């Protein structure tokens, strides 16, 4: 199954080791537009119409998917998105802003978060 990552799980970022057993497929962007929030140390994506989201696609096994679910915790929920390379992949959406970050974020107009 495919996972689309746009934050700290991307290659070269602090948590990319969670994808050590996954196969990198390609860089990609979402077909639909969303809104990306930057909390400084990590981003989150919510429903919106700001921009396409840019990231990387990985082919993951079930155990890796479970590990990512556990890593993302209660603040994120995965849902399927359509990508510009004709892949349908899971992307993690922010469903709750952690209290420590309430009102402490900026919108990433480009949809391309840099670690």
PDB file of N, CA and C in Angstrom:
ATOM      1  N   UNK A   1       0.841  -1.175   0.000  1.00  0.00           N
ATOM      2  CA  UNK A   1       0.000   0.000   0.000  1.00  0.00           C
ATOM      3  C   UNK A   1       0.885   1.236   0.000  1.00  0.00           C
ATOM      4  N   UNK A   2       0.346   2.325  -0.499  1.00  0.00           N
ATOM      5  CA  UNK A   2       1.135   3.543  -0.654  1.00  0.00           C
ATOM      6  C   UNK A   2       0.821   4.556   0.442  1.00  0.00           C
ATOM      7  N   UNK A   3       1.880   5.234   0.891  1.00  0.00           N
ATOM      8  CA  UNK A   3       1.760   6.325   1.857  1.00  0.00           C
ATOM      9  C   UNK A   3       2.438   7.544   1.256  1.00  0.00           C
ATOM     10  N   UNK A   4       1.775   8.676   1.366  1.00  0.00           N
ATOM     11  CA  UNK A   4       2.306   9.951   0.890  1.00  0.00           C
ATOM     12  C   UNK A   4       2.696  10.767   2.114  1.00  0.00           C
ATOM     13  N   UNK A   5       3.983  11.122   2.225  1.00  0.00           N
ATOM     14  CA  UNK A   5       4.473  11.870   3.390  1.00  0.00           C
ATOM     15  C   UNK A   5       4.928  13.256   2.959  1.00  0.00           C
ATOM     16  N   UNK A   6       4.687  14.239   3.827  1.00  0.00           N
ATOM     17  CA  UNK A   6       4.982  15.636   3.490  1.00  0.00           C
ATOM     18  C   UNK A   6       5.755  16.358   4.586  1.00  0.00           C
ATOM     19  N   UNK A   7       6.089  15.663   5.663  1.00  0.00           N
ATOM     20  CA  UNK A   7       6.720  16.324   6.807  1.00  0.00           C
ATOM     21  C   UNK A   7       7.977  15.626   7.274  1.00  0.00           C
ATOM     22  N   UNK A   8       8.038  15.352   8.569  1.00  0.00           N
ATOM     23  CA  UNK A   8       9.260  14.821   9.176  1.00  0.00           C
ATOM     24  C   UNK A   8       9.584  13.390   8.761  1.00  0.00           C
ATOM     25  N   UNK A   9       8.676  12.737   8.040  1.00  0.00           N
ATOM     26  CA  UNK A   9       8.952  11.392   7.534  1.00  0.00           C
ATOM     27  C   UNK A   9       9.651  11.408   6.178  1.00  0.00           C
ATOM     28  N   UNK A  10       9.743  12.575   5.546  1.00  0.00           N
ATOM     29  CA  UNK A  10      10.412  12.663   4.247  1.00  0.00           C
ATOM     30  C   UNK A  10      11.897  12.318   4.382  1.00  0.00           C
ATOM     31  N   UNK A  11      12.461  11.874   3.285  1.00  0.00           N
ATOM     32  CA  UNK A  11      13.880  11.540   3.229  1.00  0.00           C
ATOM     33  C   UNK A  11      14.724  12.711   3.723  1.00  0.00           C
ATOM     34  N   UNK A  12      15.663  12.418   4.620  1.00  0.00           N
ATOM     35  CA  UNK A  12      16.545  13.445   5.156  1.00  0.00           C
ATOM     36  C   UNK A  12      15.995  14.185   6.353  1.00  0.00           C
ATOM     37  N   UNK A  13      14.743  13.930   6.708  1.00  0.00           N
ATOM     38  CA  UNK A  13      14.133  14.594   7.867  1.00  0.00           C
ATOM     39  C   UNK A  13      14.271  13.714   9.107  1.00  0.00           C
ATOM     40  N   UNK A  14      13.993  14.290  10.239  1.00  0.00           N
ATOM     41  CA  UNK A  14      14.296  13.685  11.534  1.00  0.00           C
ATOM     42  C   UNK A  14      13.649  12.313  11.758  1.00  0.00           C
ATOM     43  N   UNK A  15      12.473  12.063  11.207  1.00  0.00           N
ATOM     44  CA  UNK A  15      11.786  10.793  11.457  1.00  0.00           C
ATOM     45  C   UNK A  15      11.739   9.867  10.242  1.00  0.00           C
ATOM     46  N   UNK A  16      12.577  10.133   9.261  1.00  0.00           N
ATOM     47  CA  UNK A  16      12.578   9.321   8.037  1.00  0.00           C
ATOM     48  C   UNK A  16      12.940   7.861   8.298  1.00  0.00           C
ATOM     49  N   UNK A  17      13.577   7.586   9.429  1.00  0.00           N
ATOM     50  CA  UNK A  17      13.962   6.210   9.761  1.00  0.00           C
ATOM     51  C   UNK A  17      12.751   5.284   9.895  1.00  0.00           C
ATOM     52  N   UNK A  18      11.567   5.838  10.128  1.00  0.00           N
ATOM     53  CA  UNK A  18      10.370   4.998  10.205  1.00  0.00           C
ATOM     54  C   UNK A  18      10.051   4.341   8.861  1.00  0.00           C
ATOM     55  N   UNK A  19      10.639   4.870   7.801  1.00  0.00           N
ATOM     56  CA  UNK A  19      10.399   4.331   6.460  1.00  0.00           C
ATOM     57  C   UNK A  19      11.592   3.540   5.925  1.00  0.00           C
ATOM     58  N   UNK A  20      12.486   3.125   6.815  1.00  0.00           N
ATOM     59  CA  UNK A  20      13.673   2.367   6.387  1.00  0.00           C
ATOM     60  C   UNK A  20      13.324   1.087   5.632  1.00  0.00           C
ATOM     61  N   UNK A  21      12.213   0.450   5.999  1.00  0.00           N
ATOM     62  CA  UNK A  21      11.823  -0.805   5.351  1.00  0.00           C
ATOM     63  C   UNK A  21      10.858  -0.591   4.190  1.00  0.00           C
ATOM     64  N   UNK A  22      10.568   0.660   3.865  1.00  0.00           N
ATOM     65  CA  UNK A  22       9.645   0.978   2.774  1.00  0.00           C
ATOM     66  C   UNK A  22      10.420   1.245   1.488  1.00  0.00           C
ATOM     67  N   UNK A  23       9.727   1.121   0.382  1.00  0.00           N
ATOM     68  CA  UNK A  23      10.325   1.405  -0.924  1.00  0.00           C
ATOM     69  C   UNK A  23       9.902   2.792  -1.385  1.00  0.00           C
ATOM     70  N   UNK A  24      10.887   3.656  -1.652  1.00  0.00           N
ATOM     71  CA  UNK A  24      10.600   4.977  -2.206  1.00  0.00           C
ATOM     72  C   UNK A  24      10.081   4.790  -3.627  1.00  0.00           C
ATOM     73  N   UNK A  25       8.960   5.447  -3.928  1.00  0.00           N
ATOM     74  CA  UNK A  25       8.377   5.358  -5.271  1.00  0.00           C
ATOM     75  C   UNK A  25       8.711   6.602  -6.077  1.00  0.00           C
ATOM     76  N   UNK A  26       8.370   7.779  -5.536  1.00  0.00           N
ATOM     77  CA  UNK A  26       8.631   9.024  -6.267  1.00  0.00           C
ATOM     78  C   UNK A  26       8.259  10.223  -5.416  1.00  0.00           C
ATOM     79  N   UNK A  27       8.706  11.372  -5.854  1.00  0.00           N
ATOM     80  CA  UNK A  27       8.170  12.624  -5.333  1.00  0.00           C
ATOM     81  C   UNK A  27       6.830  12.828  -6.021  1.00  0.00           C
ATOM     82  N   UNK A  28       5.926  13.560  -5.367  1.00  0.00           N
ATOM     83  CA  UNK A  28       4.599  13.759  -5.943  1.00  0.00           C
ATOM     84  C   UNK A  28       3.927  14.948  -5.275  1.00  0.00           C
ATOM     85  N   UNK A  29       2.767  15.291  -5.794  1.00  0.00           N
ATOM     86  CA  UNK A  29       1.910  16.290  -5.152  1.00  0.00           C
ATOM     87  C   UNK A  29       0.472  15.818  -5.250  1.00  0.00           C
ATOM     88  N   UNK A  30      -0.360  16.351  -4.374  1.00  0.00           N
ATOM     89  CA  UNK A  30      -1.770  15.996  -4.403  1.00  0.00           C
ATOM     90  C   UNK A  30      -2.443  16.647  -5.608  1.00  0.00           C
ATOM     91  N   UNK A  31      -3.477  16.010  -6.105  1.00  0.00           N
ATOM     92  CA  UNK A  31      -4.294  16.610  -7.162  1.00  0.00           C
ATOM     93  C   UNK A  31      -5.141  17.731  -6.562  1.00  0.00           C
ATOM     94  N   UNK A  32      -5.779  17.442  -5.436  1.00  0.00           N
ATOM     95  CA  UNK A  32      -6.625  18.430  -4.765  1.00  0.00           C
ATOM     96  C   UNK A  32      -5.792  19.375  -3.917  1.00  0.00           C
ATOM     97  N   UNK A  33      -6.376  20.520  -3.612  1.00  0.00           N
ATOM     98  CA  UNK A  33      -5.714  21.505  -2.760  1.00  0.00           C
ATOM     99  C   UNK A  33      -6.165  21.329  -1.314  1.00  0.00           C
ATOM    100  N   UNK A  34      -5.223  21.564  -0.404  1.00  0.00           N
ATOM    101  CA  UNK A  34      -5.460  21.493   1.030  1.00  0.00           C
ATOM    102  C   UNK A  34      -4.753  22.681   1.668  1.00  0.00           C
ATOM    103  N   UNK A  35      -4.798  22.763   2.985  1.00  0.00           N
ATOM    104  CA  UNK A  35      -4.070  23.807   3.702  1.00  0.00           C
ATOM    105  C   UNK A  35      -3.049  23.146   4.613  1.00  0.00           C
ATOM    106  N   UNK A  36      -1.783  23.556   4.465  1.00  0.00           N
ATOM    107  CA  UNK A  36      -0.702  23.027   5.288  1.00  0.00           C
ATOM    108  C   UNK A  36      -0.357  24.041   6.371  1.00  0.00           C
ATOM    109  N   UNK A  37      -0.266  23.545   7.603  1.00  0.00           N
ATOM    110  CA  UNK A  37       0.102  24.371   8.749  1.00  0.00           C
ATOM    111  C   UNK A  37       1.508  23.999   9.196  1.00  0.00           C
ATOM    112  N   UNK A  38       2.315  24.997   9.516  1.00  0.00           N
ATOM    113  CA  UNK A  38       3.689  24.787   9.974  1.00  0.00           C
ATOM    114  C   UNK A  38       3.768  25.120  11.456  1.00  0.00           C
ATOM    115  N   UNK A  39       4.076  24.111  12.263  1.00  0.00           N
ATOM    116  CA  UNK A  39       4.205  24.282  13.707  1.00  0.00           C
ATOM    117  C   UNK A  39       5.667  24.438  14.126  1.00  0.00           C
ATOM    118  N   UNK A  40       6.535  24.671  13.168  1.00  0.00           N
ATOM    119  CA  UNK A  40       7.952  24.858  13.447  1.00  0.00           C
ATOM    120  C   UNK A  40       8.730  23.562  13.382  1.00  0.00           C
ATOM    121  N   UNK A  41       8.336  22.588  14.194  1.00  0.00           N
ATOM    122  CA  UNK A  41       9.060  21.317  14.214  1.00  0.00           C
ATOM    123  C   UNK A  41       8.363  20.230  13.399  1.00  0.00           C
ATOM    124  N   UNK A  42       7.139  20.494  12.969  1.00  0.00           N
ATOM    125  CA  UNK A  42       6.412  19.555  12.115  1.00  0.00           C
ATOM    126  C   UNK A  42       5.269  20.295  11.434  1.00  0.00           C
ATOM    127  N   UNK A  43       4.812  19.770  10.286  1.00  0.00           N
ATOM    128  CA  UNK A  43       3.646  20.345   9.626  1.00  0.00           C
ATOM    129  C   UNK A  43       2.404  19.474   9.851  1.00  0.00           C
ATOM    130  N   UNK A  44       1.278  20.011   9.484  1.00  0.00           N
ATOM    131  CA  UNK A  44       0.029  19.258   9.457  1.00  0.00           C
ATOM    132  C   UNK A  44      -0.820  19.762   8.306  1.00  0.00           C
ATOM    133  N   UNK A  45      -1.611  18.891   7.735  1.00  0.00           N
ATOM    134  CA  UNK A  45      -2.482  19.263   6.618  1.00  0.00           C
ATOM    135  C   UNK A  45      -3.928  19.134   7.062  1.00  0.00           C
ATOM    136  N   UNK A  46      -4.719  20.153   6.714  1.00  0.00           N
ATOM    137  CA  UNK A  46      -6.147  20.169   7.010  1.00  0.00           C
ATOM    138  C   UNK A  46      -6.911  20.436   5.716  1.00  0.00           C
ATOM    139  N   UNK A  47      -8.211  20.190   5.755  1.00  0.00           N
ATOM    140  CA  UNK A  47      -9.045  20.522   4.602  1.00  0.00           C
ATOM    141  C   UNK A  47      -8.917  22.012   4.343  1.00  0.00           C
ATOM    142  N   UNK A  48      -8.916  22.397   3.102  1.00  0.00           N
ATOM    143  CA  UNK A  48      -8.781  23.793   2.726  1.00  0.00           C
ATOM    144  C   UNK A  48      -8.501  23.880   1.248  1.00  0.00           C
ATOM    145  N   UNK A  49      -8.241  25.068   0.779  1.00  0.00           N
ATOM    146  CA  UNK A  49      -8.051  25.261  -0.653  1.00  0.00           C
ATOM    147  C   UNK A  49      -6.837  26.139  -0.917  1.00  0.00           C
ATOM    148  N   UNK A  50      -5.776  25.969  -0.117  1.00  0.00           N
ATOM    149  CA  UNK A  50      -4.600  26.827  -0.234  1.00  0.00           C
ATOM    150  C   UNK A  50      -3.695  26.403  -1.381  1.00  0.00           C
ATOM    151  N   UNK A  51      -3.299  25.132  -1.406  1.00  0.00           N
ATOM    152  CA  UNK A  51      -2.350  24.676  -2.430  1.00  0.00           C
ATOM    153  C   UNK A  51      -2.331  23.156  -2.495  1.00  0.00           C
ATOM    154  N   UNK A  52      -1.696  22.654  -3.543  1.00  0.00           N
ATOM    155  CA  UNK A  52      -1.378  21.237  -3.578  1.00  0.00           C
ATOM    156  C   UNK A  52      -0.357  20.975  -2.480  1.00  0.00           C
ATOM    157  N   UNK A  53      -0.279  19.740  -2.014  1.00  0.00           N
ATOM    158  CA  UNK A  53       0.704  19.354  -1.007  1.00  0.00           C
ATOM    159  C   UNK A  53       1.796  18.557  -1.716  1.00  0.00           C
ATOM    160  N   UNK A  54       3.040  18.897  -1.417  1.00  0.00           N
ATOM    161  CA  UNK A  54       4.192  18.260  -2.054  1.00  0.00           C
ATOM    162  C   UNK A  54       4.891  17.340  -1.062  1.00  0.00           C
ATOM    163  N   UNK A  55       5.273  16.160  -1.532  1.00  0.00           N
ATOM    164  CA  UNK A  55       5.937  15.211  -0.654  1.00  0.00           C
ATOM    165  C   UNK A  55       6.488  14.028  -1.414  1.00  0.00           C
ATOM    166  N   UNK A  56       6.525  12.885  -0.730  1.00  0.00           N
ATOM    167  CA  UNK A  56       7.119  11.664  -1.273  1.00  0.00           C
ATOM    168  C   UNK A  56       6.170  10.488  -1.085  1.00  0.00           C
ATOM    169  N   UNK A  57       6.194   9.580  -2.040  1.00  0.00           N
ATOM    170  CA  UNK A  57       5.362   8.375  -1.992  1.00  0.00           C
ATOM    171  C   UNK A  57       6.239   7.172  -1.666  1.00  0.00           C
ATOM    172  N   UNK A  58       5.757   6.353  -0.731  1.00  0.00           N
ATOM    173  CA  UNK A  58       6.447   5.122  -0.350  1.00  0.00           C
ATOM    174  C   UNK A  58       5.475   3.953  -0.423  1.00  0.00           C
ATOM    175  N   UNK A  59       5.993   2.802  -0.799  1.00  0.00           N
ATOM    176  CA  UNK A  59       5.245   1.555  -0.743  1.00  0.00           C
ATOM    177  C   UNK A  59       5.606   0.910   0.595  1.00  0.00           C
ATOM    178  N   UNK A  60       4.611   0.739   1.463  1.00  0.00           N
ATOM    179  CA  UNK A  60       4.867   0.246   2.820  1.00  0.00           C
ATOM    180  C   UNK A  60       4.121  -1.059   3.061  1.00  0.00           C
ATOM    181  N   UNK A  61       4.651  -1.863   3.972  1.00  0.00           N
ATOM    182  CA  UNK A  61       3.939  -3.062   4.388  1.00  0.00           C
ATOM    183  C   UNK A  61       3.038  -2.720   5.579  1.00  0.00           C
ATOM    184  N   UNK A  62       2.242  -3.693   5.989  1.00  0.00           N
ATOM    185  CA  UNK A  62       1.276  -3.462   7.062  1.00  0.00           C
ATOM    186  C   UNK A  62       1.954  -3.024   8.355  1.00  0.00           C
ATOM    187  N   UNK A  63       3.059  -3.664   8.722  1.00  0.00           N
ATOM    188  CA  UNK A  63       3.736  -3.324   9.976  1.00  0.00           C
ATOM    189  C   UNK A  63       4.255  -1.888   9.968  1.00  0.00           C
ATOM    190  N   UNK A  64       4.763  -1.439   8.829  1.00  0.00           N
ATOM    191  CA  UNK A  64       5.229  -0.053   8.729  1.00  0.00           C
ATOM    192  C   UNK A  64       4.061   0.907   8.840  1.00  0.00           C
ATOM    193  N   UNK A  65       2.937   0.563   8.214  1.00  0.00           N
ATOM    194  CA  UNK A  65       1.748   1.416   8.312  1.00  0.00           C
ATOM    195  C   UNK A  65       1.290   1.538   9.760  1.00  0.00           C
ATOM    196  N   UNK A  66       1.292   0.443  10.488  1.00  0.00           N
ATOM    197  CA  UNK A  66       0.920   0.470  11.909  1.00  0.00           C
ATOM    198  C   UNK A  66       1.896   1.343  12.693  1.00  0.00           C
ATOM    199  N   UNK A  67       3.183   1.239  12.398  1.00  0.00           N
ATOM    200  CA  UNK A  67       4.186   2.070  13.080  1.00  0.00           C
ATOM    201  C   UNK A  67       3.951   3.553  12.812  1.00  0.00           C
ATOM    202  N   UNK A  68       3.600   3.892  11.571  1.00  0.00           N
ATOM    203  CA  UNK A  68       3.320   5.297  11.250  1.00  0.00           C
ATOM    204  C   UNK A  68       2.060   5.756  11.979  1.00  0.00           C
ATOM    205  N   UNK A  69       1.026   4.915  12.012  1.00  0.00           N
ATOM    206  CA  UNK A  69      -0.194   5.259  12.752  1.00  0.00           C
ATOM    207  C   UNK A  69       0.132   5.573  14.211  1.00  0.00           C
ATOM    208  N   UNK A  70       0.950   4.737  14.826  1.00  0.00           N
ATOM    209  CA  UNK A  70       1.326   4.947  16.228  1.00  0.00           C
ATOM    210  C   UNK A  70       2.144   6.220  16.383  1.00  0.00           C
ATOM    211  N   UNK A  71       3.050   6.479  15.455  1.00  0.00           N
ATOM    212  CA  UNK A  71       3.872   7.685  15.499  1.00  0.00           C
ATOM    213  C   UNK A  71       3.009   8.941  15.380  1.00  0.00           C
ATOM    214  N   UNK A  72       2.072   8.941  14.451  1.00  0.00           N
ATOM    215  CA  UNK A  72       1.229  10.119  14.225  1.00  0.00           C
ATOM    216  C   UNK A  72       0.276  10.361  15.390  1.00  0.00           C
ATOM    217  N   UNK A  73      -0.086   9.319  16.111  1.00  0.00           N
ATOM    218  CA  UNK A  73      -0.874   9.471  17.323  1.00  0.00           C
ATOM    219  C   UNK A  73      -2.290   9.967  17.087  1.00  0.00           C
ATOM    220  N   UNK A  74      -2.839  10.580  18.120  1.00  0.00           N
ATOM    221  CA  UNK A  74      -4.246  10.989  18.102  1.00  0.00           C
ATOM    222  C   UNK A  74      -4.486  12.269  17.318  1.00  0.00           C
ATOM    223  N   UNK A  75      -3.432  12.990  16.978  1.00  0.00           N
ATOM    224  CA  UNK A  75      -3.613  14.272  16.292  1.00  0.00           C
ATOM    225  C   UNK A  75      -3.776  14.120  14.789  1.00  0.00           C
ATOM    226  N   UNK A  76      -3.427  12.964  14.249  1.00  0.00           N
ATOM    227  CA  UNK A  76      -3.491  12.753  12.806  1.00  0.00           C
ATOM    228  C   UNK A  76      -4.322  11.517  12.474  1.00  0.00           C
ATOM    229  N   UNK A  77      -4.983  11.572  11.331  1.00  0.00           N
ATOM    230  CA  UNK A  77      -5.772  10.454  10.829  1.00  0.00           C
ATOM    231  C   UNK A  77      -5.470  10.295   9.345  1.00  0.00           C
ATOM    232  N   UNK A  78      -5.280   9.068   8.893  1.00  0.00           N
ATOM    233  CA  UNK A  78      -4.957   8.878   7.480  1.00  0.00           C
ATOM    234  C   UNK A  78      -6.222   8.721   6.651  1.00  0.00           C
ATOM    235  N   UNK A  79      -6.122   9.231   5.430  1.00  0.00           N
ATOM    236  CA  UNK A  79      -7.196   9.088   4.460  1.00  0.00           C
ATOM    237  C   UNK A  79      -6.562   9.026   3.073  1.00  0.00           C
ATOM    238  N   UNK A  80      -7.284   8.486   2.130  1.00  0.00           N
ATOM    239  CA  UNK A  80      -6.743   8.354   0.783  1.00  0.00           C
ATOM    240  C   UNK A  80      -6.798   9.677   0.030  1.00  0.00           C
ATOM    241  N   UNK A  81      -5.734   9.949  -0.730  1.00  0.00           N
ATOM    242  CA  UNK A  81      -5.680  11.114  -1.613  1.00  0.00           C
ATOM    243  C   UNK A  81      -5.182  10.652  -2.979  1.00  0.00           C
ATOM    244  N   UNK A  82      -5.547  11.420  -3.989  1.00  0.00           N
ATOM    245  CA  UNK A  82      -5.092  11.139  -5.349  1.00  0.00           C
ATOM    246  C   UNK A  82      -3.901  12.030  -5.651  1.00  0.00           C
ATOM    247  N   UNK A  83      -2.857  11.438  -6.209  1.00  0.00           N
ATOM    248  CA  UNK A  83      -1.620  12.164  -6.473  1.00  0.00           C
ATOM    249  C   UNK A  83      -1.430  12.403  -7.969  1.00  0.00           C
ATOM    250  N   UNK A  84      -0.535  13.330  -8.280  1.00  0.00           N
ATOM    251  CA  UNK A  84      -0.304  13.709  -9.675  1.00  0.00           C
ATOM    252  C   UNK A  84       0.386  12.631 -10.505  1.00  0.00           C
ATOM    253  N   UNK A  85       0.843  11.561  -9.870  1.00  0.00           N
ATOM    254  CA  UNK A  85       1.458  10.449 -10.601  1.00  0.00           C
ATOM    255  C   UNK A  85       0.482   9.273 -10.750  1.00  0.00           C
ATOM    256  N   UNK A  86      -0.814   9.569 -10.588  1.00  0.00           N
ATOM    257  CA  UNK A  86      -1.902   8.591 -10.733  1.00  0.00           C
ATOM    258  C   UNK A  86      -1.928   7.529  -9.644  1.00  0.00           C
ATOM    259  N   UNK A  87      -1.260   7.774  -8.535  1.00  0.00           N
ATOM    260  CA  UNK A  87      -1.293   6.865  -7.392  1.00  0.00           C
ATOM    261  C   UNK A  87      -2.322   7.380  -6.391  1.00  0.00           C
ATOM    262  N   UNK A  88      -3.052   6.451  -5.795  1.00  0.00           N
ATOM    263  CA  UNK A  88      -3.904   6.773  -4.649  1.00  0.00           C
ATOM    264  C   UNK A  88      -3.153   6.274  -3.425  1.00  0.00           C
ATOM    265  N   UNK A  89      -2.911   7.189  -2.478  1.00  0.00           N
ATOM    266  CA  UNK A  89      -2.084   6.864  -1.313  1.00  0.00           C
ATOM    267  C   UNK A  89      -2.738   7.391  -0.049  1.00  0.00           C
ATOM    268  N   UNK A  90      -2.333   6.828   1.072  1.00  0.00           N
ATOM    269  CA  UNK A  90      -2.753   7.368   2.358  1.00  0.00           C
ATOM    270  C   UNK A  90      -1.935   8.616   2.666  1.00  0.00           C
ATOM    271  N   UNK A  91      -2.622   9.662   3.135  1.00  0.00           N
ATOM    272  CA  UNK A  91      -1.961  10.864   3.637  1.00  0.00           C
ATOM    273  C   UNK A  91      -2.538  11.135   5.020  1.00  0.00           C
ATOM    274  N   UNK A  92      -1.708  11.631   5.904  1.00  0.00           N
ATOM    275  CA  UNK A  92      -2.146  11.899   7.270  1.00  0.00           C
ATOM    276  C   UNK A  92      -2.625  13.340   7.395  1.00  0.00           C
ATOM    277  N   UNK A  93      -3.876  13.477   7.837  1.00  0.00           N
ATOM    278  CA  UNK A  93      -4.503  14.780   8.043  1.00  0.00           C
ATOM    279  C   UNK A  93      -4.496  15.117   9.528  1.00  0.00           C
ATOM    280  N   UNK A  94      -4.246  16.371   9.818  1.00  0.00           N
ATOM    281  CA  UNK A  94      -4.306  16.858  11.194  1.00  0.00           C
ATOM    282  C   UNK A  94      -5.769  16.969  11.593  1.00  0.00           C
ATOM    283  N   UNK A  95      -6.155  16.290  12.660  1.00  0.00           N
ATOM    284  CA  UNK A  95      -7.543  16.340  13.120  1.00  0.00           C
ATOM    285  C   UNK A  95      -7.690  17.116  14.418  1.00  0.00           C
ATOM    286  N   UNK A  96      -6.575  17.354  15.094  1.00  0.00           N
ATOM    287  CA  UNK A  96      -6.607  18.107  16.351  1.00  0.00           C
ATOM    288  C   UNK A  96      -5.266  18.804  16.541  1.00  0.00           C
ATOM    289  N   UNK A  97      -5.314  20.110  16.765  1.00  0.00           N
ATOM    290  CA  UNK A  97      -4.084  20.855  17.034  1.00  0.00           C
ATOM    291  C   UNK A  97      -3.705  20.635  18.493  1.00  0.00           C
ATOM    292  N   UNK A  98      -2.502  20.132  18.749  1.00  0.00           N
ATOM    293  CA  UNK A  98      -2.071  19.933  20.135  1.00  0.00           C
ATOM    294  C   UNK A  98      -2.137  21.247  20.919  1.00  0.00           C
ATOM    295  N   UNK A  99      -2.583  21.176  22.169  1.00  0.00           N
ATOM    296  CA  UNK A  99      -2.747  22.376  23.000  1.00  0.00           C
ATOM    297  C   UNK A  99      -1.504  23.251  23.022  1.00  0.00           C
ATOM    298  N   UNK A 100      -0.338  22.647  23.075  1.00  0.00           N
ATOM    299  CA  UNK A 100       0.911  23.419  23.150  1.00  0.00           C
ATOM    300  C   UNK A 100       1.147  24.261  21.901  1.00  0.00           C
ATOM    301  N   UNK A 101       0.464  23.929  20.801  1.00  0.00           N
ATOM    302  CA  UNK A 101       0.674  24.638  19.539  1.00  0.00           C
ATOM    303  C   UNK A 101      -0.528  25.476  19.123  1.00  0.00           C
ATOM    304  N   UNK A 102      -1.530  25.587  19.978  1.00  0.00           N
ATOM    305  CA  UNK A 102      -2.731  26.344  19.639  1.00  0.00           C
ATOM    306  C   UNK A 102      -2.359  27.780  19.281  1.00  0.00           C
ATOM    307  N   UNK A 103      -2.758  28.210  18.101  1.00  0.00           N
ATOM    308  CA  UNK A 103      -2.472  29.559  17.585  1.00  0.00           C
ATOM    309  C   UNK A 103      -0.984  29.835  17.395  1.00  0.00           C
ATOM    310  N   UNK A 104      -0.164  28.801  17.317  1.00  0.00           N
ATOM    311  CA  UNK A 104       1.281  28.969  17.127  1.00  0.00           C
ATOM    312  C   UNK A 104       1.715  28.266  15.847  1.00  0.00           C
ATOM    313  N   UNK A 105       1.123  28.674  14.754  1.00  0.00           N
ATOM    314  CA  UNK A 105       1.456  28.064  13.474  1.00  0.00           C
ATOM    315  C   UNK A 105       1.293  29.090  12.362  1.00  0.00           C
ATOM    316  N   UNK A 106       1.900  28.770  11.228  1.00  0.00           N
ATOM    317  CA  UNK A 106       1.760  29.587  10.027  1.00  0.00           C
ATOM    318  C   UNK A 106       1.258  28.700   8.903  1.00  0.00           C
ATOM    319  N   UNK A 107       0.563  29.293   7.965  1.00  0.00           N
ATOM    320  CA  UNK A 107       0.123  28.556   6.786  1.00  0.00           C
ATOM    321  C   UNK A 107       1.283  28.486   5.796  1.00  0.00           C
ATOM    322  N   UNK A 108       1.534  27.292   5.270  1.00  0.00           N
ATOM    323  CA  UNK A 108       2.567  27.092   4.252  1.00  0.00           C
ATOM    324  C   UNK A 108       1.884  27.274   2.897  1.00  0.00           C
ATOM    325  N   UNK A 109       1.974  28.475   2.366  1.00  0.00           N
ATOM    326  CA  UNK A 109       1.273  28.818   1.124  1.00  0.00           C
ATOM    327  C   UNK A 109       1.691  27.927  -0.040  1.00  0.00           C
ATOM    328  N   UNK A 110       2.952  27.505  -0.062  1.00  0.00           N
ATOM    329  CA  UNK A 110       3.467  26.700  -1.178  1.00  0.00           C
ATOM    330  C   UNK A 110       3.046  25.239  -1.102  1.00  0.00           C
ATOM    331  N   UNK A 111       2.660  24.769   0.103  1.00  0.00           N
ATOM    332  CA  UNK A 111       2.348  23.355   0.287  1.00  0.00           C
ATOM    333  C   UNK A 111       3.574  22.464   0.314  1.00  0.00           C
ATOM    334  N   UNK A 112       4.747  23.080   0.445  1.00  0.00           N
ATOM    335  CA  UNK A 112       6.008  22.334   0.408  1.00  0.00           C
ATOM    336  C   UNK A 112       6.808  22.648   1.669  1.00  0.00           C
ATOM    337  N   UNK A 113       6.672  21.804   2.699  1.00  0.00           N
ATOM    338  CA  UNK A 113       7.352  22.012   3.979  1.00  0.00           C
ATOM    339  C   UNK A 113       8.788  21.512   3.885  1.00  0.00           C
ATOM    340  N   UNK A 114       9.701  22.290   4.421  1.00  0.00           N
ATOM    341  CA  UNK A 114      11.121  21.926   4.416  1.00  0.00           C
ATOM    342  C   UNK A 114      11.573  21.593   5.832  1.00  0.00           C
ATOM    343  N   UNK A 115      12.270  20.466   5.967  1.00  0.00           N
ATOM    344  CA  UNK A 115      12.771  20.092   7.295  1.00  0.00           C
ATOM    345  C   UNK A 115      14.174  20.635   7.504  1.00  0.00           C
TER     346      UNK A 115
END
